[in-house]
């Protein structure tokens, strides 16, 4: 492998909490009613580094998505790779109240990622009649 260094800047800029196989479910529970996303990545993953750089190039647009961010190195936490049947990284899984709603595989630009977020929100709205984080009218 090329031994590409891991740039952790995106993890701190977007306040991504690291999850392991042991902390995964409890970590997601911390998101409460927010739409959560887990960024699955791996060491020596060139495309993972490209995705992080693309996200860092447009932080306002990424923050505007209103996501609760998590990340996991699936090469270190192989149980998570098996649990979610990952065949490649980068991959993002969307969750609401611990329920998996969808995924985005590979970084194909902000538009594709925004569409995946919108699809996850539509699933929540179809079930609950409201979007995550929305409070009922008084």
N, C-alpha and C. Protein backbone atom coordinates (compact mmCIF):
# COMPACT_ATOMS: atom_id res chain seq x y z
N UNK A 1 0.83 -1.18 0.00
CA UNK A 1 0.00 0.00 0.00
C UNK A 1 0.88 1.24 0.00
N UNK A 2 0.29 2.32 -0.40
CA UNK A 2 1.03 3.56 -0.57
C UNK A 2 1.33 4.27 0.74
N UNK A 3 0.72 3.85 1.83
CA UNK A 3 0.91 4.47 3.13
C UNK A 3 0.59 5.97 3.09
N UNK A 4 -0.59 6.28 2.60
CA UNK A 4 -1.07 7.66 2.52
C UNK A 4 -1.41 8.12 3.94
N UNK A 5 -0.88 9.26 4.36
CA UNK A 5 -1.20 9.72 5.72
C UNK A 5 -2.69 10.08 5.84
N UNK A 6 -3.23 9.87 7.03
CA UNK A 6 -4.64 10.19 7.29
C UNK A 6 -4.73 11.66 7.68
N UNK A 7 -5.52 12.40 6.94
CA UNK A 7 -5.78 13.79 7.29
C UNK A 7 -7.06 13.81 8.11
N UNK A 8 -6.93 14.12 9.39
CA UNK A 8 -8.08 14.12 10.30
C UNK A 8 -8.78 15.47 10.39
N UNK A 9 -8.39 16.43 9.55
CA UNK A 9 -8.96 17.77 9.61
C UNK A 9 -10.47 17.74 9.47
N UNK A 10 -10.99 16.99 8.50
CA UNK A 10 -12.45 16.94 8.29
C UNK A 10 -13.17 16.40 9.52
N UNK A 11 -12.54 15.47 10.21
CA UNK A 11 -13.17 14.90 11.41
C UNK A 11 -13.38 15.98 12.46
N UNK A 12 -12.39 16.86 12.63
CA UNK A 12 -12.54 17.91 13.64
C UNK A 12 -13.41 19.06 13.13
N UNK A 13 -13.25 19.47 11.88
CA UNK A 13 -14.02 20.59 11.33
C UNK A 13 -15.52 20.31 11.39
N UNK A 14 -15.91 19.07 11.11
CA UNK A 14 -17.33 18.72 11.10
C UNK A 14 -17.76 17.99 12.38
N UNK A 15 -16.90 18.05 13.39
CA UNK A 15 -17.19 17.49 14.71
C UNK A 15 -17.67 16.05 14.62
N UNK A 16 -16.91 15.24 13.87
CA UNK A 16 -17.26 13.83 13.69
C UNK A 16 -16.75 13.02 14.87
N UNK A 17 -17.65 12.33 15.53
CA UNK A 17 -17.28 11.46 16.64
C UNK A 17 -16.86 10.10 16.07
N UNK A 18 -15.74 9.58 16.55
CA UNK A 18 -15.28 8.27 16.08
C UNK A 18 -16.09 7.16 16.73
N UNK A 19 -16.49 6.20 15.91
CA UNK A 19 -17.24 5.05 16.40
C UNK A 19 -16.45 3.77 16.14
N UNK A 20 -16.52 2.87 17.11
CA UNK A 20 -15.95 1.53 16.97
C UNK A 20 -17.12 0.56 16.94
N UNK A 21 -16.84 -0.71 16.74
CA UNK A 21 -17.91 -1.71 16.76
C UNK A 21 -18.60 -1.70 18.12
N UNK A 22 -17.82 -1.48 19.19
CA UNK A 22 -18.37 -1.50 20.54
C UNK A 22 -19.20 -0.25 20.86
N UNK A 23 -18.82 0.89 20.31
CA UNK A 23 -19.51 2.15 20.64
C UNK A 23 -20.54 2.57 19.60
N UNK A 24 -20.70 1.80 18.55
CA UNK A 24 -21.50 2.23 17.40
C UNK A 24 -22.95 2.57 17.77
N UNK A 25 -23.68 1.62 18.33
CA UNK A 25 -25.10 1.85 18.60
C UNK A 25 -25.32 2.93 19.65
N UNK A 26 -24.52 2.94 20.70
CA UNK A 26 -24.65 3.97 21.73
C UNK A 26 -24.29 5.34 21.16
N UNK A 27 -23.29 5.39 20.29
CA UNK A 27 -22.90 6.65 19.66
C UNK A 27 -24.03 7.21 18.82
N UNK A 28 -24.64 6.35 18.01
CA UNK A 28 -25.76 6.81 17.18
C UNK A 28 -26.92 7.28 18.03
N UNK A 29 -27.14 6.64 19.16
CA UNK A 29 -28.24 7.04 20.04
C UNK A 29 -28.07 8.49 20.51
N UNK A 30 -26.82 8.95 20.61
CA UNK A 30 -26.56 10.34 21.02
C UNK A 30 -27.13 11.35 20.04
N UNK A 31 -27.36 10.93 18.80
CA UNK A 31 -27.90 11.85 17.79
C UNK A 31 -29.36 12.20 18.06
N UNK A 32 -30.03 11.39 18.89
CA UNK A 32 -31.43 11.67 19.20
C UNK A 32 -32.29 11.73 17.95
N UNK A 33 -32.96 12.84 17.74
CA UNK A 33 -33.87 13.00 16.60
C UNK A 33 -33.19 13.60 15.38
N UNK A 34 -31.88 13.85 15.48
CA UNK A 34 -31.14 14.41 14.34
C UNK A 34 -30.88 13.31 13.30
N UNK A 35 -30.73 13.72 12.06
CA UNK A 35 -30.31 12.79 11.02
C UNK A 35 -28.81 12.59 11.19
N UNK A 36 -28.41 11.35 11.42
CA UNK A 36 -27.00 11.02 11.65
C UNK A 36 -26.41 10.42 10.38
N UNK A 37 -25.13 10.68 10.18
CA UNK A 37 -24.41 10.08 9.07
C UNK A 37 -23.09 9.53 9.60
N UNK A 38 -22.77 8.32 9.16
CA UNK A 38 -21.48 7.70 9.53
C UNK A 38 -20.64 7.62 8.26
N UNK A 39 -19.47 8.24 8.33
CA UNK A 39 -18.50 8.24 7.25
C UNK A 39 -17.58 7.05 7.50
N UNK A 40 -17.75 6.00 6.70
CA UNK A 40 -16.86 4.83 6.78
C UNK A 40 -15.69 5.07 5.82
N UNK A 41 -14.49 4.95 6.34
CA UNK A 41 -13.29 5.21 5.58
C UNK A 41 -12.24 4.18 5.96
N UNK A 42 -11.09 4.24 5.31
CA UNK A 42 -10.01 3.32 5.62
C UNK A 42 -8.64 3.94 5.40
N UNK A 43 -7.66 3.37 6.07
CA UNK A 43 -6.27 3.80 5.88
C UNK A 43 -5.85 3.53 4.45
N UNK A 44 -4.97 4.38 3.95
CA UNK A 44 -4.45 4.24 2.59
C UNK A 44 -5.55 4.28 1.53
N UNK A 45 -6.65 4.95 1.85
CA UNK A 45 -7.77 5.07 0.92
C UNK A 45 -7.67 6.43 0.24
N UNK A 46 -7.16 6.43 -0.97
CA UNK A 46 -6.98 7.66 -1.73
C UNK A 46 -8.32 8.39 -1.91
N UNK A 47 -9.37 7.65 -2.27
CA UNK A 47 -10.67 8.26 -2.50
C UNK A 47 -11.28 8.83 -1.22
N UNK A 48 -10.95 8.26 -0.07
CA UNK A 48 -11.42 8.81 1.21
C UNK A 48 -10.79 10.18 1.44
N UNK A 49 -9.49 10.29 1.13
CA UNK A 49 -8.80 11.57 1.30
C UNK A 49 -9.35 12.60 0.32
N UNK A 50 -9.66 12.19 -0.89
CA UNK A 50 -10.26 13.10 -1.88
C UNK A 50 -11.61 13.60 -1.36
N UNK A 51 -12.42 12.70 -0.81
CA UNK A 51 -13.74 13.08 -0.29
C UNK A 51 -13.59 14.09 0.84
N UNK A 52 -12.66 13.85 1.77
CA UNK A 52 -12.46 14.78 2.88
C UNK A 52 -12.03 16.15 2.37
N UNK A 53 -11.13 16.18 1.39
CA UNK A 53 -10.68 17.46 0.84
C UNK A 53 -11.83 18.19 0.15
N UNK A 54 -12.68 17.47 -0.56
CA UNK A 54 -13.83 18.08 -1.23
C UNK A 54 -14.80 18.65 -0.20
N UNK A 55 -15.01 17.93 0.89
CA UNK A 55 -15.89 18.42 1.96
C UNK A 55 -15.31 19.68 2.60
N UNK A 56 -14.00 19.67 2.84
CA UNK A 56 -13.35 20.82 3.46
C UNK A 56 -13.34 22.04 2.54
N UNK A 57 -13.42 21.82 1.24
CA UNK A 57 -13.43 22.93 0.29
C UNK A 57 -14.76 23.68 0.30
N UNK A 58 -15.80 23.07 0.88
CA UNK A 58 -17.13 23.69 0.93
C UNK A 58 -17.80 23.43 2.28
N UNK A 59 -17.15 23.86 3.37
CA UNK A 59 -17.67 23.54 4.70
C UNK A 59 -19.07 24.10 4.98
N UNK A 60 -19.38 25.27 4.46
CA UNK A 60 -20.70 25.85 4.72
C UNK A 60 -21.79 24.98 4.12
N UNK A 61 -21.58 24.50 2.92
CA UNK A 61 -22.57 23.64 2.26
C UNK A 61 -22.73 22.32 3.00
N UNK A 62 -21.64 21.78 3.52
CA UNK A 62 -21.70 20.52 4.28
C UNK A 62 -22.45 20.75 5.59
N UNK A 63 -22.13 21.84 6.28
CA UNK A 63 -22.83 22.15 7.55
C UNK A 63 -24.31 22.42 7.32
N UNK A 64 -24.64 23.04 6.18
CA UNK A 64 -26.04 23.39 5.88
C UNK A 64 -26.92 22.14 5.75
N UNK A 65 -26.31 20.98 5.59
CA UNK A 65 -27.08 19.73 5.49
C UNK A 65 -27.70 19.35 6.83
N UNK A 66 -27.22 19.94 7.92
CA UNK A 66 -27.80 19.70 9.24
C UNK A 66 -27.68 18.28 9.73
N UNK A 67 -26.51 17.69 9.55
CA UNK A 67 -26.28 16.30 9.95
C UNK A 67 -25.51 16.20 11.25
N UNK A 68 -25.73 15.11 11.95
CA UNK A 68 -24.90 14.75 13.11
C UNK A 68 -23.87 13.76 12.58
N UNK A 69 -22.60 14.13 12.62
CA UNK A 69 -21.53 13.37 11.97
C UNK A 69 -20.82 12.39 12.89
N UNK A 70 -20.51 11.22 12.31
CA UNK A 70 -19.70 10.20 12.95
C UNK A 70 -18.75 9.65 11.90
N UNK A 71 -17.69 8.99 12.34
CA UNK A 71 -16.79 8.34 11.38
C UNK A 71 -16.24 7.06 11.98
N UNK A 72 -15.84 6.16 11.08
CA UNK A 72 -15.23 4.91 11.52
C UNK A 72 -14.26 4.40 10.46
N UNK A 73 -13.08 4.04 10.91
CA UNK A 73 -12.08 3.42 10.06
C UNK A 73 -12.41 1.93 10.01
N UNK A 74 -12.98 1.47 8.92
CA UNK A 74 -13.42 0.08 8.85
C UNK A 74 -12.26 -0.90 8.67
N UNK A 75 -11.07 -0.39 8.37
CA UNK A 75 -9.93 -1.29 8.33
C UNK A 75 -9.50 -1.62 9.76
N UNK A 76 -9.72 -0.69 10.67
CA UNK A 76 -9.44 -0.92 12.08
C UNK A 76 -10.61 -1.63 12.75
N UNK A 77 -11.82 -1.27 12.38
CA UNK A 77 -13.04 -1.85 12.97
C UNK A 77 -13.73 -2.73 11.93
N UNK A 78 -13.09 -3.85 11.64
CA UNK A 78 -13.57 -4.74 10.58
C UNK A 78 -14.97 -5.29 10.84
N UNK A 79 -15.35 -5.41 12.12
CA UNK A 79 -16.69 -5.90 12.45
C UNK A 79 -17.77 -4.99 11.85
N UNK A 80 -17.50 -3.68 11.82
CA UNK A 80 -18.47 -2.76 11.23
C UNK A 80 -18.55 -2.93 9.72
N UNK A 81 -17.42 -3.17 9.10
CA UNK A 81 -17.42 -3.43 7.66
C UNK A 81 -18.26 -4.66 7.33
N UNK A 82 -18.14 -5.69 8.15
CA UNK A 82 -18.94 -6.91 7.94
C UNK A 82 -20.41 -6.66 8.26
N UNK A 83 -20.67 -5.95 9.36
CA UNK A 83 -22.05 -5.67 9.77
C UNK A 83 -22.82 -4.95 8.67
N UNK A 84 -22.17 -4.00 8.01
CA UNK A 84 -22.85 -3.22 6.97
C UNK A 84 -22.50 -3.68 5.56
N UNK A 85 -21.85 -4.83 5.46
CA UNK A 85 -21.51 -5.45 4.17
C UNK A 85 -20.85 -4.46 3.22
N UNK A 86 -19.85 -3.76 3.74
CA UNK A 86 -19.14 -2.77 2.93
C UNK A 86 -18.17 -3.47 1.99
N UNK A 87 -18.22 -3.06 0.74
CA UNK A 87 -17.30 -3.60 -0.26
C UNK A 87 -16.30 -2.56 -0.71
N UNK A 88 -16.44 -1.35 -0.19
CA UNK A 88 -15.50 -0.30 -0.54
C UNK A 88 -15.78 0.95 0.27
N UNK A 89 -14.77 1.77 0.36
CA UNK A 89 -14.90 3.05 1.05
C UNK A 89 -14.35 4.13 0.11
N UNK A 90 -14.77 5.34 0.26
CA UNK A 90 -15.65 5.86 1.29
C UNK A 90 -17.11 5.50 1.05
N UNK A 91 -17.81 5.30 2.16
CA UNK A 91 -19.26 5.07 2.15
C UNK A 91 -19.85 5.81 3.33
N UNK A 92 -21.01 6.40 3.11
CA UNK A 92 -21.73 7.11 4.17
C UNK A 92 -23.07 6.43 4.36
N UNK A 93 -23.41 6.10 5.61
CA UNK A 93 -24.72 5.54 5.94
C UNK A 93 -25.48 6.58 6.73
N UNK A 94 -26.77 6.71 6.43
CA UNK A 94 -27.64 7.66 7.11
C UNK A 94 -28.54 6.90 8.07
N UNK A 95 -28.70 7.46 9.27
CA UNK A 95 -29.49 6.83 10.33
C UNK A 95 -30.40 7.85 10.98
N UNK A 96 -31.55 7.39 11.42
CA UNK A 96 -32.44 8.21 12.25
C UNK A 96 -32.94 7.33 13.37
N UNK A 97 -32.68 7.76 14.60
CA UNK A 97 -33.04 6.98 15.79
C UNK A 97 -32.53 5.54 15.69
N UNK A 98 -31.32 5.39 15.16
CA UNK A 98 -30.69 4.08 15.05
C UNK A 98 -31.09 3.25 13.86
N UNK A 99 -32.10 3.71 13.11
CA UNK A 99 -32.57 2.95 11.94
C UNK A 99 -31.83 3.42 10.69
N UNK A 100 -31.29 2.47 9.95
CA UNK A 100 -30.56 2.80 8.72
C UNK A 100 -31.55 3.21 7.64
N UNK A 101 -31.27 4.35 7.01
CA UNK A 101 -32.17 4.90 6.00
C UNK A 101 -31.64 4.83 4.59
N UNK A 102 -30.33 4.78 4.45
CA UNK A 102 -29.76 4.78 3.10
C UNK A 102 -28.27 4.96 3.16
N UNK A 103 -27.68 5.07 1.99
CA UNK A 103 -26.23 5.18 1.91
C UNK A 103 -25.82 5.96 0.68
N UNK A 104 -24.60 6.45 0.72
CA UNK A 104 -23.95 7.05 -0.44
C UNK A 104 -22.59 6.37 -0.53
N UNK A 105 -22.27 5.85 -1.69
CA UNK A 105 -21.01 5.13 -1.87
C UNK A 105 -20.13 5.92 -2.82
N UNK A 106 -18.92 6.22 -2.37
CA UNK A 106 -18.00 7.02 -3.17
C UNK A 106 -18.41 8.49 -3.13
N UNK A 107 -17.45 9.36 -3.34
CA UNK A 107 -17.74 10.79 -3.39
C UNK A 107 -17.89 11.18 -4.85
N UNK A 108 -19.12 11.50 -5.24
CA UNK A 108 -19.41 11.89 -6.62
C UNK A 108 -19.84 13.34 -6.69
N UNK A 109 -19.43 14.10 -5.69
CA UNK A 109 -19.73 15.53 -5.67
C UNK A 109 -20.81 15.87 -4.66
N UNK A 110 -20.88 17.15 -4.36
CA UNK A 110 -21.82 17.63 -3.35
C UNK A 110 -23.27 17.36 -3.76
N UNK A 111 -23.59 17.54 -5.02
CA UNK A 111 -24.96 17.33 -5.48
C UNK A 111 -25.47 15.92 -5.20
N UNK A 112 -24.64 14.93 -5.48
CA UNK A 112 -25.04 13.54 -5.22
C UNK A 112 -25.20 13.30 -3.73
N UNK A 113 -24.31 13.89 -2.93
CA UNK A 113 -24.40 13.72 -1.48
C UNK A 113 -25.65 14.40 -0.95
N UNK A 114 -25.94 15.61 -1.43
CA UNK A 114 -27.16 16.32 -1.02
C UNK A 114 -28.41 15.50 -1.38
N UNK A 115 -28.39 14.86 -2.53
CA UNK A 115 -29.53 14.03 -2.95
C UNK A 115 -29.71 12.84 -2.01
N UNK A 116 -28.60 12.25 -1.56
CA UNK A 116 -28.69 11.12 -0.63
C UNK A 116 -29.25 11.59 0.72
N UNK A 117 -28.84 12.77 1.17
CA UNK A 117 -29.37 13.33 2.42
C UNK A 117 -30.86 13.60 2.26
N UNK A 118 -31.25 14.19 1.14
CA UNK A 118 -32.67 14.48 0.90
C UNK A 118 -33.51 13.21 0.87
N UNK A 119 -32.98 12.15 0.27
CA UNK A 119 -33.71 10.87 0.22
C UNK A 119 -33.89 10.31 1.63
N UNK A 120 -32.88 10.42 2.47
CA UNK A 120 -32.99 9.95 3.86
C UNK A 120 -34.04 10.76 4.61
N UNK A 121 -34.04 12.07 4.42
CA UNK A 121 -35.04 12.91 5.09
C UNK A 121 -36.46 12.59 4.61
N UNK A 122 -36.60 12.28 3.34
CA UNK A 122 -37.93 11.91 2.81
C UNK A 122 -38.43 10.63 3.45
N UNK A 123 -37.55 9.69 3.70
CA UNK A 123 -37.96 8.44 4.37
C UNK A 123 -38.45 8.72 5.78
N UNK A 124 -37.77 9.62 6.49
CA UNK A 124 -38.19 9.98 7.84
C UNK A 124 -39.55 10.66 7.80
N UNK A 125 -39.70 11.58 6.86
CA UNK A 125 -40.94 12.33 6.75
C UNK A 125 -42.11 11.41 6.38
N UNK A 126 -41.86 10.42 5.54
CA UNK A 126 -42.91 9.49 5.14
C UNK A 126 -43.42 8.68 6.33
N UNK A 127 -42.54 8.37 7.26
CA UNK A 127 -42.90 7.58 8.43
C UNK A 127 -43.51 8.44 9.53
N UNK A 128 -42.88 9.60 9.80
CA UNK A 128 -43.28 10.40 10.96
C UNK A 128 -44.13 11.61 10.62
N UNK A 129 -44.13 12.01 9.37
CA UNK A 129 -44.86 13.21 9.00
C UNK A 129 -44.12 14.48 9.31
N UNK A 130 -42.86 14.37 9.82
CA UNK A 130 -42.06 15.57 10.07
C UNK A 130 -40.61 15.28 9.76
N UNK A 131 -39.85 16.34 9.57
CA UNK A 131 -38.43 16.18 9.29
C UNK A 131 -37.66 16.15 10.61
N UNK A 132 -36.47 15.51 10.64
CA UNK A 132 -35.70 15.41 11.88
C UNK A 132 -35.40 16.79 12.45
N UNK A 133 -35.57 16.91 13.76
CA UNK A 133 -35.26 18.14 14.43
C UNK A 133 -36.43 19.12 14.44
N UNK A 134 -37.46 18.85 13.65
CA UNK A 134 -38.62 19.73 13.59
C UNK A 134 -39.48 19.51 14.84
N UNK A 135 -39.94 20.58 15.43
CA UNK A 135 -40.77 20.45 16.63
C UNK A 135 -42.24 20.60 16.24
N UNK A 136 -43.11 19.90 16.94
CA UNK A 136 -44.54 20.02 16.63
C UNK A 136 -45.03 21.44 16.86
N UNK A 137 -46.03 21.85 16.10
CA UNK A 137 -46.59 23.20 16.25
C UNK A 137 -47.33 23.28 17.59
N UNK A 138 -47.23 24.44 18.22
CA UNK A 138 -47.92 24.64 19.52
C UNK A 138 -49.38 24.89 19.32
